[in-house]
């Protein structure tokens, strides 16, 4: 499993180019509801990283962070994207 420092440096959303540490800081420093604070992180309306961001927001709210779970959710999203790209390439 990656270390806490490695997880904090992982990019949580490609759209906003924010890492986990930046997302935590944004969630900690806003009183906006999740939907609006998510836009501060992602800078878009897409749902590509919603699962990881929802879990991270919950962790900020409750003050307990599970960095392994965050890394797992980010890697799951990357795996899904890689499979989708492979599927598109094999259709050619």
PDB file of N, CA and C in Angstrom:
ATOM      1  N   UNK A   1       0.839  -1.186   0.000  1.00  0.00           N
ATOM      2  CA  UNK A   1       0.000   0.000   0.000  1.00  0.00           C
ATOM      3  C   UNK A   1       0.887   1.253   0.000  1.00  0.00           C
ATOM      4  N   UNK A   2       0.410   2.292  -0.681  1.00  0.00           N
ATOM      5  CA  UNK A   2       1.192   3.533  -0.732  1.00  0.00           C
ATOM      6  C   UNK A   2       1.205   4.235   0.627  1.00  0.00           C
ATOM      7  N   UNK A   3       2.226   5.023   0.848  1.00  0.00           N
ATOM      8  CA  UNK A   3       2.319   5.778   2.103  1.00  0.00           C
ATOM      9  C   UNK A   3       1.341   6.948   2.073  1.00  0.00           C
ATOM     10  N   UNK A   4       1.122   7.537   3.226  1.00  0.00           N
ATOM     11  CA  UNK A   4       0.222   8.688   3.340  1.00  0.00           C
ATOM     12  C   UNK A   4       0.687   9.810   2.413  1.00  0.00           C
ATOM     13  N   UNK A   5       1.991  10.064   2.381  1.00  0.00           N
ATOM     14  CA  UNK A   5       2.541  11.134   1.551  1.00  0.00           C
ATOM     15  C   UNK A   5       2.309  10.864   0.063  1.00  0.00           C
ATOM     16  N   UNK A   6       2.438   9.604  -0.337  1.00  0.00           N
ATOM     17  CA  UNK A   6       2.201   9.239  -1.740  1.00  0.00           C
ATOM     18  C   UNK A   6       0.738   9.449  -2.116  1.00  0.00           C
ATOM     19  N   UNK A   7      -0.162   9.079  -1.210  1.00  0.00           N
ATOM     20  CA  UNK A   7      -1.598   9.236  -1.473  1.00  0.00           C
ATOM     21  C   UNK A   7      -1.947  10.715  -1.569  1.00  0.00           C
ATOM     22  N   UNK A   8      -1.390  11.534  -0.695  1.00  0.00           N
ATOM     23  CA  UNK A   8      -1.684  12.961  -0.714  1.00  0.00           C
ATOM     24  C   UNK A   8      -1.266  13.619  -2.030  1.00  0.00           C
ATOM     25  N   UNK A   9      -0.295  13.029  -2.713  1.00  0.00           N
ATOM     26  CA  UNK A   9       0.190  13.574  -3.978  1.00  0.00           C
ATOM     27  C   UNK A   9      -0.562  13.044  -5.193  1.00  0.00           C
ATOM     28  N   UNK A  10      -1.395  12.007  -5.008  1.00  0.00           N
ATOM     29  CA  UNK A  10      -2.153  11.448  -6.133  1.00  0.00           C
ATOM     30  C   UNK A  10      -3.146  12.473  -6.669  1.00  0.00           C
ATOM     31  N   UNK A  11      -3.272  12.508  -7.983  1.00  0.00           N
ATOM     32  CA  UNK A  11      -4.244  13.400  -8.603  1.00  0.00           C
ATOM     33  C   UNK A  11      -5.628  12.784  -8.427  1.00  0.00           C
ATOM     34  N   UNK A  12      -6.513  13.509  -7.778  1.00  0.00           N
ATOM     35  CA  UNK A  12      -7.840  12.973  -7.495  1.00  0.00           C
ATOM     36  C   UNK A  12      -8.802  13.200  -8.660  1.00  0.00           C
ATOM     37  N   UNK A  13      -8.535  14.225  -9.466  1.00  0.00           N
ATOM     38  CA  UNK A  13      -9.378  14.498 -10.631  1.00  0.00           C
ATOM     39  C   UNK A  13      -8.544  15.183 -11.699  1.00  0.00           C
ATOM     40  N   UNK A  14      -8.565  14.607 -12.896  1.00  0.00           N
ATOM     41  CA  UNK A  14      -7.795  15.182 -13.998  1.00  0.00           C
ATOM     42  C   UNK A  14      -8.358  16.531 -14.438  1.00  0.00           C
ATOM     43  N   UNK A  15      -9.662  16.706 -14.314  1.00  0.00           N
ATOM     44  CA  UNK A  15     -10.298  17.946 -14.784  1.00  0.00           C
ATOM     45  C   UNK A  15      -9.748  19.171 -14.049  1.00  0.00           C
ATOM     46  N   UNK A  16      -9.679  19.090 -12.742  1.00  0.00           N
ATOM     47  CA  UNK A  16      -9.214  20.222 -11.949  1.00  0.00           C
ATOM     48  C   UNK A  16      -7.737  20.177 -11.649  1.00  0.00           C
ATOM     49  N   UNK A  17      -7.077  19.064 -12.012  1.00  0.00           N
ATOM     50  CA  UNK A  17      -5.641  18.874 -11.767  1.00  0.00           C
ATOM     51  C   UNK A  17      -5.275  19.109 -10.307  1.00  0.00           C
ATOM     52  N   UNK A  18      -6.149  18.656  -9.412  1.00  0.00           N
ATOM     53  CA  UNK A  18      -5.900  18.795  -7.972  1.00  0.00           C
ATOM     54  C   UNK A  18      -5.489  17.443  -7.404  1.00  0.00           C
ATOM     55  N   UNK A  19      -4.595  17.484  -6.424  1.00  0.00           N
ATOM     56  CA  UNK A  19      -4.215  16.242  -5.759  1.00  0.00           C
ATOM     57  C   UNK A  19      -5.066  16.068  -4.498  1.00  0.00           C
ATOM     58  N   UNK A  20      -4.881  14.963  -3.823  1.00  0.00           N
ATOM     59  CA  UNK A  20      -5.684  14.636  -2.631  1.00  0.00           C
ATOM     60  C   UNK A  20      -5.505  15.689  -1.554  1.00  0.00           C
ATOM     61  N   UNK A  21      -4.267  16.138  -1.324  1.00  0.00           N
ATOM     62  CA  UNK A  21      -4.006  17.140  -0.288  1.00  0.00           C
ATOM     63  C   UNK A  21      -4.751  18.441  -0.582  1.00  0.00           C
ATOM     64  N   UNK A  22      -4.762  18.865  -1.830  1.00  0.00           N
ATOM     65  CA  UNK A  22      -5.474  20.086  -2.200  1.00  0.00           C
ATOM     66  C   UNK A  22      -6.977  19.910  -2.023  1.00  0.00           C
ATOM     67  N   UNK A  23      -7.492  18.747  -2.374  1.00  0.00           N
ATOM     68  CA  UNK A  23      -8.924  18.481  -2.204  1.00  0.00           C
ATOM     69  C   UNK A  23      -9.305  18.509  -0.728  1.00  0.00           C
ATOM     70  N   UNK A  24      -8.473  17.917   0.124  1.00  0.00           N
ATOM     71  CA  UNK A  24      -8.738  17.944   1.568  1.00  0.00           C
ATOM     72  C   UNK A  24      -8.784  19.380   2.062  1.00  0.00           C
ATOM     73  N   UNK A  25      -7.827  20.173   1.637  1.00  0.00           N
ATOM     74  CA  UNK A  25      -7.769  21.583   2.057  1.00  0.00           C
ATOM     75  C   UNK A  25      -9.023  22.336   1.615  1.00  0.00           C
ATOM     76  N   UNK A  26      -9.463  22.109   0.386  1.00  0.00           N
ATOM     77  CA  UNK A  26     -10.673  22.773  -0.114  1.00  0.00           C
ATOM     78  C   UNK A  26     -11.886  22.357   0.708  1.00  0.00           C
ATOM     79  N   UNK A  27     -12.045  21.059   0.949  1.00  0.00           N
ATOM     80  CA  UNK A  27     -13.194  20.574   1.725  1.00  0.00           C
ATOM     81  C   UNK A  27     -13.158  21.106   3.160  1.00  0.00           C
ATOM     82  N   UNK A  28     -11.964  21.224   3.740  1.00  0.00           N
ATOM     83  CA  UNK A  28     -11.849  21.710   5.117  1.00  0.00           C
ATOM     84  C   UNK A  28     -12.158  23.204   5.228  1.00  0.00           C
ATOM     85  N   UNK A  29     -11.904  23.946   4.173  1.00  0.00           N
ATOM     86  CA  UNK A  29     -12.031  25.399   4.234  1.00  0.00           C
ATOM     87  C   UNK A  29     -13.309  25.947   3.617  1.00  0.00           C
ATOM     88  N   UNK A  30     -14.292  25.082   3.401  1.00  0.00           N
ATOM     89  CA  UNK A  30     -15.558  25.559   2.859  1.00  0.00           C
ATOM     90  C   UNK A  30     -16.719  24.988   3.665  1.00  0.00           C
ATOM     91  N   UNK A  31     -17.771  25.772   3.713  1.00  0.00           N
ATOM     92  CA  UNK A  31     -18.991  25.288   4.376  1.00  0.00           C
ATOM     93  C   UNK A  31     -20.068  24.980   3.337  1.00  0.00           C
ATOM     94  N   UNK A  32     -19.675  24.975   2.073  1.00  0.00           N
ATOM     95  CA  UNK A  32     -20.611  24.671   0.993  1.00  0.00           C
ATOM     96  C   UNK A  32     -21.023  23.202   1.025  1.00  0.00           C
ATOM     97  N   UNK A  33     -22.207  22.891   0.503  1.00  0.00           N
ATOM     98  CA  UNK A  33     -22.595  21.476   0.390  1.00  0.00           C
ATOM     99  C   UNK A  33     -21.671  20.751  -0.590  1.00  0.00           C
ATOM    100  N   UNK A  34     -21.690  19.426  -0.526  1.00  0.00           N
ATOM    101  CA  UNK A  34     -20.762  18.626  -1.328  1.00  0.00           C
ATOM    102  C   UNK A  34     -20.788  18.983  -2.806  1.00  0.00           C
ATOM    103  N   UNK A  35     -21.965  19.095  -3.386  1.00  0.00           N
ATOM    104  CA  UNK A  35     -22.076  19.332  -4.823  1.00  0.00           C
ATOM    105  C   UNK A  35     -21.314  20.593  -5.251  1.00  0.00           C
ATOM    106  N   UNK A  36     -21.401  21.639  -4.456  1.00  0.00           N
ATOM    107  CA  UNK A  36     -20.715  22.895  -4.791  1.00  0.00           C
ATOM    108  C   UNK A  36     -19.235  22.839  -4.440  1.00  0.00           C
ATOM    109  N   UNK A  37     -18.889  22.215  -3.329  1.00  0.00           N
ATOM    110  CA  UNK A  37     -17.472  22.123  -2.965  1.00  0.00           C
ATOM    111  C   UNK A  37     -16.734  21.182  -3.916  1.00  0.00           C
ATOM    112  N   UNK A  38     -17.443  20.173  -4.457  1.00  0.00           N
ATOM    113  CA  UNK A  38     -16.845  19.283  -5.452  1.00  0.00           C
ATOM    114  C   UNK A  38     -16.411  20.077  -6.675  1.00  0.00           C
ATOM    115  N   UNK A  39     -17.224  21.044  -7.076  1.00  0.00           N
ATOM    116  CA  UNK A  39     -16.892  21.874  -8.236  1.00  0.00           C
ATOM    117  C   UNK A  39     -15.634  22.704  -7.993  1.00  0.00           C
ATOM    118  N   UNK A  40     -15.371  23.067  -6.732  1.00  0.00           N
ATOM    119  CA  UNK A  40     -14.140  23.790  -6.423  1.00  0.00           C
ATOM    120  C   UNK A  40     -12.922  22.908  -6.669  1.00  0.00           C
ATOM    121  N   UNK A  41     -13.078  21.613  -6.450  1.00  0.00           N
ATOM    122  CA  UNK A  41     -11.978  20.671  -6.661  1.00  0.00           C
ATOM    123  C   UNK A  41     -11.859  20.315  -8.138  1.00  0.00           C
ATOM    124  N   UNK A  42     -12.975  19.945  -8.751  1.00  0.00           N
ATOM    125  CA  UNK A  42     -12.929  19.419 -10.118  1.00  0.00           C
ATOM    126  C   UNK A  42     -12.941  20.500 -11.191  1.00  0.00           C
ATOM    127  N   UNK A  43     -13.513  21.655 -10.866  1.00  0.00           N
ATOM    128  CA  UNK A  43     -13.685  22.746 -11.819  1.00  0.00           C
ATOM    129  C   UNK A  43     -14.530  22.316 -13.022  1.00  0.00           C
ATOM    130  N   UNK A  44     -15.410  21.306 -12.810  1.00  0.00           N
ATOM    131  CA  UNK A  44     -16.285  20.835 -13.880  1.00  0.00           C
ATOM    132  C   UNK A  44     -17.552  20.240 -13.274  1.00  0.00           C
ATOM    133  N   UNK A  45     -18.445  19.782 -14.141  1.00  0.00           N
ATOM    134  CA  UNK A  45     -19.696  19.159 -13.700  1.00  0.00           C
ATOM    135  C   UNK A  45     -19.708  17.653 -13.928  1.00  0.00           C
ATOM    136  N   UNK A  46     -18.590  17.076 -14.314  1.00  0.00           N
ATOM    137  CA  UNK A  46     -18.528  15.648 -14.624  1.00  0.00           C
ATOM    138  C   UNK A  46     -18.570  14.814 -13.348  1.00  0.00           C
ATOM    139  N   UNK A  47     -18.890  13.530 -13.513  1.00  0.00           N
ATOM    140  CA  UNK A  47     -18.966  12.611 -12.380  1.00  0.00           C
ATOM    141  C   UNK A  47     -17.814  11.618 -12.350  1.00  0.00           C
ATOM    142  N   UNK A  48     -16.761  11.864 -13.110  1.00  0.00           N
ATOM    143  CA  UNK A  48     -15.679  10.888 -13.254  1.00  0.00           C
ATOM    144  C   UNK A  48     -14.998  10.542 -11.925  1.00  0.00           C
ATOM    145  N   UNK A  49     -14.906  11.475 -11.015  1.00  0.00           N
ATOM    146  CA  UNK A  49     -14.195  11.213  -9.758  1.00  0.00           C
ATOM    147  C   UNK A  49     -15.108  11.374  -8.547  1.00  0.00           C
ATOM    148  N   UNK A  50     -16.391  11.278  -8.772  1.00  0.00           N
ATOM    149  CA  UNK A  50     -17.377  11.508  -7.718  1.00  0.00           C
ATOM    150  C   UNK A  50     -17.205  10.568  -6.516  1.00  0.00           C
ATOM    151  N   UNK A  51     -16.981   9.281  -6.766  1.00  0.00           N
ATOM    152  CA  UNK A  51     -16.869   8.311  -5.672  1.00  0.00           C
ATOM    153  C   UNK A  51     -15.743   8.640  -4.714  1.00  0.00           C
ATOM    154  N   UNK A  52     -14.577   8.907  -5.259  1.00  0.00           N
ATOM    155  CA  UNK A  52     -13.419   9.230  -4.415  1.00  0.00           C
ATOM    156  C   UNK A  52     -13.636  10.548  -3.682  1.00  0.00           C
ATOM    157  N   UNK A  53     -14.228  11.519  -4.356  1.00  0.00           N
ATOM    158  CA  UNK A  53     -14.452  12.813  -3.713  1.00  0.00           C
ATOM    159  C   UNK A  53     -15.528  12.742  -2.636  1.00  0.00           C
ATOM    160  N   UNK A  54     -16.575  11.955  -2.850  1.00  0.00           N
ATOM    161  CA  UNK A  54     -17.601  11.786  -1.810  1.00  0.00           C
ATOM    162  C   UNK A  54     -16.997  11.158  -0.564  1.00  0.00           C
ATOM    163  N   UNK A  55     -16.193  10.113  -0.772  1.00  0.00           N
ATOM    164  CA  UNK A  55     -15.564   9.436   0.366  1.00  0.00           C
ATOM    165  C   UNK A  55     -14.605  10.388   1.082  1.00  0.00           C
ATOM    166  N   UNK A  56     -13.829  11.152   0.327  1.00  0.00           N
ATOM    167  CA  UNK A  56     -12.894  12.097   0.916  1.00  0.00           C
ATOM    168  C   UNK A  56     -13.628  13.183   1.696  1.00  0.00           C
ATOM    169  N   UNK A  57     -14.732  13.679   1.149  1.00  0.00           N
ATOM    170  CA  UNK A  57     -15.533  14.685   1.842  1.00  0.00           C
ATOM    171  C   UNK A  57     -16.074  14.126   3.159  1.00  0.00           C
ATOM    172  N   UNK A  58     -16.547  12.887   3.144  1.00  0.00           N
ATOM    173  CA  UNK A  58     -17.018  12.244   4.383  1.00  0.00           C
ATOM    174  C   UNK A  58     -15.893  12.137   5.404  1.00  0.00           C
ATOM    175  N   UNK A  59     -14.709  11.792   4.931  1.00  0.00           N
ATOM    176  CA  UNK A  59     -13.566  11.663   5.835  1.00  0.00           C
ATOM    177  C   UNK A  59     -13.208  13.004   6.458  1.00  0.00           C
ATOM    178  N   UNK A  60     -13.286  14.074   5.673  1.00  0.00           N
ATOM    179  CA  UNK A  60     -13.022  15.417   6.195  1.00  0.00           C
ATOM    180  C   UNK A  60     -14.081  15.768   7.242  1.00  0.00           C
ATOM    181  N   UNK A  61     -15.331  15.463   6.939  1.00  0.00           N
ATOM    182  CA  UNK A  61     -16.431  15.772   7.856  1.00  0.00           C
ATOM    183  C   UNK A  61     -16.242  15.070   9.201  1.00  0.00           C
ATOM    184  N   UNK A  62     -15.848  13.792   9.158  1.00  0.00           N
ATOM    185  CA  UNK A  62     -15.731  13.017  10.389  1.00  0.00           C
ATOM    186  C   UNK A  62     -14.333  13.051  10.997  1.00  0.00           C
ATOM    187  N   UNK A  63     -13.368  13.634  10.275  1.00  0.00           N
ATOM    188  CA  UNK A  63     -12.023  13.812  10.821  1.00  0.00           C
ATOM    189  C   UNK A  63     -11.179  12.557  10.872  1.00  0.00           C
ATOM    190  N   UNK A  64     -11.549  11.517  10.143  1.00  0.00           N
ATOM    191  CA  UNK A  64     -10.777  10.274  10.107  1.00  0.00           C
ATOM    192  C   UNK A  64     -10.489   9.926   8.664  1.00  0.00           C
ATOM    193  N   UNK A  65      -9.209   9.790   8.338  1.00  0.00           N
ATOM    194  CA  UNK A  65      -8.803   9.547   6.955  1.00  0.00           C
ATOM    195  C   UNK A  65      -8.272   8.131   6.781  1.00  0.00           C
ATOM    196  N   UNK A  66      -8.771   7.475   5.749  1.00  0.00           N
ATOM    197  CA  UNK A  66      -8.293   6.148   5.364  1.00  0.00           C
ATOM    198  C   UNK A  66      -7.617   6.305   4.009  1.00  0.00           C
ATOM    199  N   UNK A  67      -6.308   6.549   4.045  1.00  0.00           N
ATOM    200  CA  UNK A  67      -5.557   6.840   2.828  1.00  0.00           C
ATOM    201  C   UNK A  67      -5.503   5.641   1.888  1.00  0.00           C
ATOM    202  N   UNK A  68      -5.515   4.433   2.444  1.00  0.00           N
ATOM    203  CA  UNK A  68      -5.543   3.237   1.597  1.00  0.00           C
ATOM    204  C   UNK A  68      -6.831   3.186   0.774  1.00  0.00           C
ATOM    205  N   UNK A  69      -7.950   3.526   1.393  1.00  0.00           N
ATOM    206  CA  UNK A  69      -9.230   3.514   0.685  1.00  0.00           C
ATOM    207  C   UNK A  69      -9.258   4.586  -0.406  1.00  0.00           C
ATOM    208  N   UNK A  70      -8.730   5.756  -0.111  1.00  0.00           N
ATOM    209  CA  UNK A  70      -8.686   6.822  -1.116  1.00  0.00           C
ATOM    210  C   UNK A  70      -7.854   6.369  -2.312  1.00  0.00           C
ATOM    211  N   UNK A  71      -6.673   5.807  -2.046  1.00  0.00           N
ATOM    212  CA  UNK A  71      -5.807   5.328  -3.130  1.00  0.00           C
ATOM    213  C   UNK A  71      -6.516   4.241  -3.933  1.00  0.00           C
ATOM    214  N   UNK A  72      -7.213   3.345  -3.237  1.00  0.00           N
ATOM    215  CA  UNK A  72      -7.941   2.263  -3.910  1.00  0.00           C
ATOM    216  C   UNK A  72      -9.011   2.821  -4.852  1.00  0.00           C
ATOM    217  N   UNK A  73      -9.777   3.810  -4.396  1.00  0.00           N
ATOM    218  CA  UNK A  73     -10.834   4.399  -5.229  1.00  0.00           C
ATOM    219  C   UNK A  73     -10.251   5.113  -6.449  1.00  0.00           C
ATOM    220  N   UNK A  74      -9.126   5.785  -6.265  1.00  0.00           N
ATOM    221  CA  UNK A  74      -8.478   6.466  -7.392  1.00  0.00           C
ATOM    222  C   UNK A  74      -7.980   5.434  -8.398  1.00  0.00           C
ATOM    223  N   UNK A  75      -7.373   4.358  -7.908  1.00  0.00           N
ATOM    224  CA  UNK A  75      -6.863   3.318  -8.807  1.00  0.00           C
ATOM    225  C   UNK A  75      -8.005   2.590  -9.527  1.00  0.00           C
ATOM    226  N   UNK A  76      -9.125   2.382  -8.854  1.00  0.00           N
ATOM    227  CA  UNK A  76     -10.289   1.767  -9.512  1.00  0.00           C
ATOM    228  C   UNK A  76     -10.765   2.617 -10.683  1.00  0.00           C
ATOM    229  N   UNK A  77     -10.793   3.929 -10.484  1.00  0.00           N
ATOM    230  CA  UNK A  77     -11.228   4.831 -11.552  1.00  0.00           C
ATOM    231  C   UNK A  77     -10.266   4.759 -12.737  1.00  0.00           C
ATOM    232  N   UNK A  78      -8.952   4.737 -12.439  1.00  0.00           N
ATOM    233  CA  UNK A  78      -7.970   4.635 -13.516  1.00  0.00           C
ATOM    234  C   UNK A  78      -8.090   3.299 -14.250  1.00  0.00           C
ATOM    235  N   UNK A  79      -8.345   2.219 -13.510  1.00  0.00           N
ATOM    236  CA  UNK A  79      -8.511   0.900 -14.133  1.00  0.00           C
ATOM    237  C   UNK A  79      -9.730   0.885 -15.053  1.00  0.00           C
ATOM    238  N   UNK A  80     -10.842   1.474 -14.612  1.00  0.00           N
ATOM    239  CA  UNK A  80     -12.047   1.541 -15.443  1.00  0.00           C
ATOM    240  C   UNK A  80     -11.779   2.329 -16.719  1.00  0.00           C
ATOM    241  N   UNK A  81     -11.075   3.429 -16.586  1.00  0.00           N
ATOM    242  CA  UNK A  81     -10.758   4.238 -17.764  1.00  0.00           C
ATOM    243  C   UNK A  81      -9.856   3.470 -18.725  1.00  0.00           C
ATOM    244  N   UNK A  82      -8.881   2.745 -18.198  1.00  0.00           N
ATOM    245  CA  UNK A  82      -7.974   1.969 -19.047  1.00  0.00           C
ATOM    246  C   UNK A  82      -8.739   0.880 -19.796  1.00  0.00           C
ATOM    247  N   UNK A  83      -9.685   0.201 -19.109  1.00  0.00           N
ATOM    248  CA  UNK A  83     -10.489  -0.831 -19.765  1.00  0.00           C
ATOM    249  C   UNK A  83     -11.370  -0.235 -20.859  1.00  0.00           C
ATOM    250  N   UNK A  84     -11.940   0.930 -20.590  1.00  0.00           N
ATOM    251  CA  UNK A  84     -12.762   1.591 -21.601  1.00  0.00           C
ATOM    252  C   UNK A  84     -11.934   1.957 -22.826  1.00  0.00           C
ATOM    253  N   UNK A  85     -10.737   2.465 -22.610  1.00  0.00           N
ATOM    254  CA  UNK A  85      -9.860   2.820 -23.726  1.00  0.00           C
ATOM    255  C   UNK A  85      -9.452   1.590 -24.520  1.00  0.00           C
ATOM    256  N   UNK A  86      -9.167   0.500 -23.819  1.00  0.00           N
ATOM    257  CA  UNK A  86      -8.811  -0.751 -24.506  1.00  0.00           C
ATOM    258  C   UNK A  86      -9.968  -1.241 -25.359  1.00  0.00           C
ATOM    259  N   UNK A  87     -11.173  -1.124 -24.818  1.00  0.00           N
ATOM    260  CA  UNK A  87     -12.365  -1.534 -25.565  1.00  0.00           C
ATOM    261  C   UNK A  87     -12.546  -0.711 -26.821  1.00  0.00           C
ATOM    262  N   UNK A  88     -12.277   0.577 -26.720  1.00  0.00           N
ATOM    263  CA  UNK A  88     -12.389   1.439 -27.899  1.00  0.00           C
ATOM    264  C   UNK A  88     -11.314   1.090 -28.933  1.00  0.00           C
ATOM    265  N   UNK A  89     -10.114   0.792 -28.486  1.00  0.00           N
ATOM    266  CA  UNK A  89      -9.034   0.462 -29.402  1.00  0.00           C
ATOM    267  C   UNK A  89      -9.301  -0.872 -30.115  1.00  0.00           C
ATOM    268  N   UNK A  90      -9.877  -1.834 -29.393  1.00  0.00           N
ATOM    269  CA  UNK A  90     -10.120  -3.144 -29.979  1.00  0.00           C
ATOM    270  C   UNK A  90     -11.290  -3.121 -30.978  1.00  0.00           C
ATOM    271  N   UNK A  91     -12.124  -2.115 -30.895  1.00  0.00           N
ATOM    272  CA  UNK A  91     -13.241  -1.980 -31.839  1.00  0.00           C
ATOM    273  C   UNK A  91     -12.773  -1.514 -33.210  1.00  0.00           C
ATOM    274  N   UNK A  92     -11.583  -0.953 -33.283  1.00  0.00           N
ATOM    275  CA  UNK A  92     -11.069  -0.431 -34.572  1.00  0.00           C
ATOM    276  C   UNK A  92     -10.669  -1.522 -35.512  1.00  0.00           C
TER     277      UNK A  92
END
